[in-house]
Amino acid sequence: MHNNALAATGLVRLRRRIAEIEKRPFSAASGVIVRSSATALVLPFAIPGLDRMLAGGLRRDALHEIRGSLARDAAAATGFATAILARLARQDGRPILWIAEAAAAREAGLPYGAGLDRFGLDSRRLIVVQVRRPGDALWVCEEGLSCRGLAAVLTEVRGEPRLLDLTASRRLALRARDGGVMGLLLRQSDRPQPGAATTRWLVAPRPATILDDYPAGIGDPAWRLTLERNRLGATGTFDVEWDHGRCRFVPVADAGPSHSLPVAAVSADRPHLAPDQRTLVALARAS
């Protein structure tokens, strides 16, 4: 009986320690880990229409894909992903793993600490891993998603790697679900591909709105977000800005007027356009 009591006490201590590592509540009375509620498993955008589509927000135990259709959109897609991580860091004190494949890093660069700090994401929370090949990036991502000591894993790849097929995507999604770690797959210059991600976002830049203290300059980052895939509901398009001071998304309609520059008028003595040569040839042949 005494040995059984000691074993039970040791088991309770072990479960308490596991709960501390996983940052989950623990019930000493029952000796079991209390699973998080549904609301704790989502990261809301704080934009009512978008959160309704996502059943409250982005699932924190799921894989999400973020892509830009053109190489020049890499900065916009990376900015949106960074904003998500900044909001997640407000809820979760665990570190974040950022995996940069060599081709993606050559195109868009590596994370810059001072810039991330100004953007709202504490760079001290990041663990940055550089890899040479897409296969290495996927392997590190899978291992990271299995580590409950991480809040999120962002994997940045370029184009359409052959190894990143539907099977690989399903494996990453299962790891994110089982590990309770948010997975962000950031793809540069990518066309829509079959995948197991809970959501897929197409990100394009938008003109910034006017800032009160700097009306002639550049405002907050703004994006057009197209929710192309949503396993939990409908899809749609949203124009949002990122308020790095308050670490939140703001609908562009609520942010203020867009900043635009005057366009030079067309010259008054501009010559007329040349006639369509194909029309002249057709007339000559007809005559």
Protein backbone atom coordinates (compact mmCIF):
# COMPACT_ATOMS: atom_id res chain seq x y z
CA MET A 1 0.00 0.00 0.00
CA HIS A 2 2.82 2.36 0.90
CA ASN A 3 4.58 1.63 -2.39
CA ASN A 4 1.37 2.27 -4.32
CA ALA A 5 0.96 5.65 -2.62
CA LEU A 6 4.53 6.61 -3.49
CA ALA A 7 4.00 5.57 -7.10
CA ALA A 8 0.80 7.61 -7.31
CA THR A 9 2.54 10.66 -5.85
CA GLY A 10 5.39 10.30 -8.32
CA LEU A 11 2.92 10.02 -11.19
CA VAL A 12 1.13 13.19 -10.09
CA ARG A 13 4.45 15.04 -9.94
CA LEU A 14 5.36 13.81 -13.40
CA ARG A 15 2.02 14.91 -14.82
CA ARG A 16 2.36 18.30 -13.13
CA ARG A 17 5.80 18.72 -14.69
CA ILE A 18 4.45 17.78 -18.13
CA ALA A 19 1.68 20.34 -17.71
CA GLU A 20 4.25 23.01 -16.82
CA ILE A 21 6.34 22.22 -19.91
CA GLU A 22 3.27 22.24 -22.16
CA LYS A 23 1.93 25.35 -20.36
CA ARG A 24 -1.41 23.67 -19.65
CA PRO A 25 -3.54 23.91 -16.50
CA PHE A 26 -3.20 21.03 -14.06
CA SER A 27 -5.76 19.67 -11.62
CA ALA A 28 -4.04 18.42 -8.48
CA ALA A 29 -7.28 16.87 -7.23
CA SER A 30 -7.70 14.57 -10.21
CA GLY A 31 -4.04 14.40 -11.18
CA VAL A 32 -4.79 14.97 -14.86
CA ILE A 33 -3.86 17.68 -17.33
CA VAL A 34 -6.76 20.00 -18.07
CA ARG A 35 -7.04 20.44 -21.81
CA SER A 36 -7.42 23.93 -23.15
CA SER A 37 -10.87 25.12 -24.11
CA ALA A 38 -11.85 25.73 -27.72
CA THR A 39 -11.39 29.48 -27.35
CA ALA A 40 -7.78 29.00 -26.20
CA LEU A 41 -7.02 27.00 -29.34
CA VAL A 42 -7.66 29.88 -31.73
CA LEU A 43 -5.85 33.11 -32.51
CA PRO A 44 -8.46 35.75 -33.38
CA PHE A 45 -7.87 38.49 -35.94
CA ALA A 46 -10.24 40.79 -33.98
CA ILE A 47 -12.05 41.46 -37.28
CA PRO A 48 -15.61 40.16 -36.75
CA GLY A 49 -16.37 39.09 -40.31
CA LEU A 50 -13.08 37.27 -40.73
CA ASP A 51 -13.21 35.60 -37.32
CA ARG A 52 -16.74 34.33 -38.05
CA MET A 53 -15.47 32.62 -41.20
CA LEU A 54 -12.68 31.00 -39.19
CA ALA A 55 -14.94 29.89 -36.30
CA GLY A 56 -13.21 32.31 -33.94
CA GLY A 57 -9.76 32.69 -35.51
CA LEU A 58 -6.75 30.76 -36.73
CA ARG A 59 -6.40 27.32 -35.19
CA ARG A 60 -3.27 27.21 -33.05
CA ASP A 61 -2.92 23.45 -33.49
CA ALA A 62 -3.11 23.44 -37.29
CA LEU A 63 -1.13 24.10 -40.44
CA HIS A 64 -1.79 27.32 -42.36
CA GLU A 65 -0.41 28.20 -45.79
CA ILE A 66 0.50 31.75 -46.83
CA ARG A 67 1.57 32.47 -50.38
CA GLY A 68 2.40 35.27 -52.78
CA SER A 69 1.74 34.72 -56.47
CA LEU A 70 4.67 36.90 -57.61
CA ALA A 71 8.25 37.24 -56.40
CA ARG A 72 7.66 40.92 -55.62
CA ASP A 73 4.88 39.93 -53.18
CA ALA A 74 7.31 38.06 -50.92
CA ALA A 75 7.63 41.05 -48.56
CA ALA A 76 3.85 41.36 -48.21
CA ALA A 77 3.38 37.64 -47.52
CA THR A 78 6.24 37.65 -45.00
CA GLY A 79 4.80 40.73 -43.30
CA PHE A 80 1.40 39.07 -42.89
CA ALA A 81 2.99 35.93 -41.47
CA THR A 82 5.10 38.01 -39.07
CA ALA A 83 2.00 39.87 -37.88
CA ILE A 84 0.34 36.55 -37.07
CA LEU A 85 3.40 35.49 -35.08
CA ALA A 86 3.44 38.83 -33.25
CA ARG A 87 -0.17 38.34 -32.13
CA LEU A 88 0.54 34.75 -31.16
CA ALA A 89 3.53 35.86 -29.07
CA ARG A 90 1.15 38.01 -27.01
CA GLN A 91 -0.77 34.87 -26.02
CA ASP A 92 2.00 32.32 -25.85
CA GLY A 93 5.36 32.75 -24.10
CA ARG A 94 7.11 29.87 -25.89
CA PRO A 95 9.76 30.55 -28.56
CA ILE A 96 9.07 30.53 -32.31
CA LEU A 97 11.05 28.53 -34.87
CA TRP A 98 11.70 30.29 -38.22
CA ILE A 99 13.08 28.04 -40.98
CA ALA A 100 14.53 29.75 -44.07
CA GLU A 101 15.36 27.74 -47.17
CA ALA A 102 18.38 29.02 -49.17
CA ALA A 103 16.43 29.92 -52.32
CA ALA A 104 13.80 31.79 -50.31
CA ALA A 105 16.46 33.63 -48.34
CA ARG A 106 18.22 34.74 -51.53
CA GLU A 107 14.97 36.19 -52.84
CA ALA A 108 13.55 37.84 -49.72
CA GLY A 109 16.43 37.93 -47.23
CA LEU A 110 16.61 36.68 -43.68
CA PRO A 111 14.66 37.97 -40.66
CA TYR A 112 16.09 41.28 -39.43
CA GLY A 113 15.94 41.60 -35.64
CA ALA A 114 15.57 45.38 -35.33
CA GLY A 115 12.87 45.42 -37.99
CA LEU A 116 10.94 42.61 -36.33
CA ASP A 117 11.08 44.45 -33.00
CA ARG A 118 9.60 47.57 -34.59
CA PHE A 119 7.00 45.43 -36.34
CA GLY A 120 5.75 44.06 -33.02
CA LEU A 121 7.52 40.69 -32.82
CA ASP A 122 10.24 40.36 -30.18
CA SER A 123 13.24 39.01 -32.09
CA ARG A 124 14.56 37.41 -28.89
CA ARG A 125 11.71 34.92 -29.14
CA LEU A 126 12.93 33.62 -32.52
CA ILE A 127 15.06 30.60 -33.30
CA VAL A 128 16.21 31.03 -36.92
CA VAL A 129 17.40 27.97 -38.84
CA GLN A 130 18.92 28.24 -42.33
CA VAL A 131 18.84 25.18 -44.57
CA ARG A 132 20.11 24.56 -48.09
CA ARG A 133 17.38 22.37 -49.60
CA PRO A 134 13.58 22.14 -49.42
CA GLY A 135 13.86 18.61 -48.05
CA ASP A 136 15.90 19.88 -45.12
CA ALA A 137 13.33 22.61 -44.47
CA LEU A 138 10.49 20.09 -44.36
CA TRP A 139 12.42 17.79 -42.03
CA VAL A 140 13.18 20.60 -39.57
CA CYS A 141 9.58 21.80 -39.80
CA GLU A 142 8.22 18.35 -38.99
CA GLU A 143 10.53 17.99 -36.01
CA GLY A 144 9.65 21.48 -34.78
CA LEU A 145 5.91 20.85 -34.97
CA SER A 146 6.45 17.82 -32.73
CA CYS A 147 8.10 19.98 -30.04
CA ARG A 148 5.55 21.20 -27.51
CA GLY A 149 8.08 23.73 -26.23
CA LEU A 150 7.45 25.90 -29.33
CA ALA A 151 4.55 28.23 -29.97
CA ALA A 152 4.83 28.12 -33.77
CA VAL A 153 6.98 26.95 -36.65
CA LEU A 154 7.27 29.09 -39.79
CA THR A 155 8.81 27.42 -42.84
CA GLU A 156 9.78 29.62 -45.79
CA VAL A 157 10.24 27.95 -49.18
CA ARG A 158 10.34 29.21 -52.75
CA GLY A 159 8.28 27.96 -55.67
CA GLU A 160 6.82 24.47 -55.82
CA PRO A 161 9.30 21.95 -54.37
CA ARG A 162 8.57 18.43 -55.60
CA LEU A 163 8.91 17.07 -52.07
CA LEU A 164 6.16 19.35 -50.77
CA ASP A 165 3.31 17.25 -52.10
CA LEU A 166 -0.04 16.35 -50.58
CA THR A 167 1.46 13.53 -48.53
CA ALA A 168 4.09 15.83 -46.98
CA SER A 169 1.46 18.48 -46.28
CA ARG A 170 -0.75 15.94 -44.49
CA ARG A 171 2.18 14.81 -42.39
CA LEU A 172 2.90 18.40 -41.31
CA ALA A 173 -0.78 19.01 -40.52
CA LEU A 174 -0.91 15.90 -38.32
CA ARG A 175 2.25 16.95 -36.48
CA ALA A 176 0.77 20.40 -35.82
CA ARG A 177 -2.45 18.88 -34.51
CA ASP A 178 -0.76 16.34 -32.27
CA GLY A 179 1.90 18.74 -30.98
CA GLY A 180 -0.43 21.71 -30.47
CA VAL A 181 2.02 23.94 -32.35
CA MET A 182 0.89 26.39 -35.05
CA GLY A 183 2.49 25.71 -38.42
CA LEU A 184 2.89 28.48 -41.00
CA LEU A 185 4.01 27.44 -44.47
CA LEU A 186 5.24 30.58 -46.27
CA ARG A 187 5.57 30.01 -50.01
CA GLN A 188 7.11 32.46 -52.48
CA SER A 189 5.97 32.75 -56.11
CA ASP A 190 3.67 29.81 -55.76
CA ARG A 191 0.55 28.69 -57.58
CA PRO A 192 -2.27 27.05 -55.60
CA GLN A 193 -1.35 23.45 -54.84
CA PRO A 194 -3.29 20.58 -53.20
CA GLY A 195 -2.53 20.52 -49.50
CA ALA A 196 -3.81 19.65 -46.04
CA ALA A 197 -3.54 23.14 -44.55
CA THR A 198 -6.59 24.31 -42.61
CA THR A 199 -6.41 27.70 -44.32
CA ARG A 200 -4.60 29.04 -47.37
CA TRP A 201 -4.01 32.78 -47.85
CA LEU A 202 -3.02 34.71 -50.95
CA VAL A 203 -1.38 37.98 -49.88
CA ALA A 204 -0.86 41.05 -52.07
CA PRO A 205 0.27 44.56 -51.02
CA ARG A 206 -2.13 47.50 -50.81
CA PRO A 207 -1.49 51.26 -50.72
CA ALA A 208 -0.96 52.45 -47.16
CA THR A 209 -3.35 54.88 -45.49
CA ILE A 210 -2.39 58.29 -44.17
CA LEU A 211 -0.83 58.55 -40.72
CA ASP A 212 -1.90 61.48 -38.56
CA ASP A 213 1.65 62.45 -37.66
CA TYR A 214 3.12 61.82 -41.10
CA PRO A 215 0.49 62.59 -43.75
CA ALA A 216 3.02 62.89 -46.58
CA GLY A 217 4.80 59.61 -45.88
CA ILE A 218 4.25 55.88 -45.78
CA GLY A 219 1.57 54.55 -43.47
CA ASP A 220 1.15 51.19 -41.79
CA PRO A 221 1.64 48.00 -43.83
CA ALA A 222 -1.53 47.09 -45.72
CA TRP A 223 -2.47 43.88 -47.51
CA ARG A 224 -5.24 42.38 -49.55
CA LEU A 225 -5.90 38.98 -48.00
CA THR A 226 -7.69 36.37 -50.09
CA LEU A 227 -8.76 33.41 -48.00
CA GLU A 228 -8.59 30.80 -50.76
CA ARG A 229 -9.14 27.73 -48.63
CA ASN A 230 -10.95 27.36 -45.34
CA ARG A 231 -11.81 23.95 -43.92
CA LEU A 232 -14.02 25.57 -41.27
CA GLY A 233 -16.26 27.74 -43.42
CA ALA A 234 -16.53 30.23 -46.25
CA THR A 235 -13.80 32.10 -48.11
CA GLY A 236 -13.46 35.76 -49.02
CA THR A 237 -11.24 38.78 -49.54
CA PHE A 238 -10.28 41.33 -46.87
CA ASP A 239 -8.23 44.54 -46.99
CA VAL A 240 -6.40 45.03 -43.70
CA GLU A 241 -3.62 47.08 -42.16
CA TRP A 242 -1.18 46.13 -39.42
CA ASP A 243 -1.06 48.42 -36.38
CA HIS A 244 2.32 47.43 -34.93
CA GLY A 245 1.91 49.75 -31.93
CA ARG A 246 -1.18 47.93 -30.69
CA CYS A 247 -0.24 44.64 -32.35
CA ARG A 248 -3.54 44.17 -34.15
CA PHE A 249 -5.12 44.02 -37.57
CA VAL A 250 -7.36 46.88 -38.67
CA PRO A 251 -9.83 46.78 -41.58
CA VAL A 252 -8.76 49.32 -44.19
CA ALA A 253 -12.27 50.79 -44.21
CA ASP A 254 -11.75 51.71 -40.54
CA ALA A 255 -8.15 52.86 -40.88
CA GLY A 256 -8.69 56.05 -42.91
CA PRO A 257 -8.22 57.31 -46.46
CA SER A 258 -5.54 55.82 -48.67
CA HIS A 259 -2.47 57.88 -49.45
CA SER A 260 -2.24 58.59 -53.17
CA LEU A 261 0.02 60.77 -55.27
CA PRO A 262 -1.04 63.07 -58.14
CA VAL A 263 -0.48 61.77 -61.63
CA ALA A 264 1.00 63.97 -64.36
CA ALA A 265 -1.53 65.15 -66.93
CA VAL A 266 -1.35 63.92 -70.51
CA SER A 267 0.58 66.33 -72.75
CA ALA A 268 -1.70 68.64 -74.80
CA ASP A 269 0.49 68.45 -77.94
CA ARG A 270 0.89 64.69 -77.80
CA PRO A 271 0.70 63.14 -81.30
CA HIS A 272 -2.16 60.88 -82.21
CA LEU A 273 -1.67 57.15 -81.95
CA ALA A 274 -0.40 55.46 -85.08
CA PRO A 275 -3.11 53.66 -87.05
CA ASP A 276 -3.39 49.93 -86.76
CA GLN A 277 -1.21 48.53 -89.54
CA ARG A 278 -3.20 45.33 -89.64
CA THR A 279 -6.27 47.30 -90.66
CA LEU A 280 -4.38 48.98 -93.52
CA VAL A 281 -3.06 45.65 -94.79
CA ALA A 282 -6.55 44.15 -94.71
CA LEU A 283 -7.95 47.09 -96.67
CA ALA A 284 -5.16 46.85 -99.23
CA ARG A 285 -5.82 43.17 -99.79
CA ALA A 286 -9.56 43.76 -100.09
CA SER A 287 -9.04 46.43 -102.74
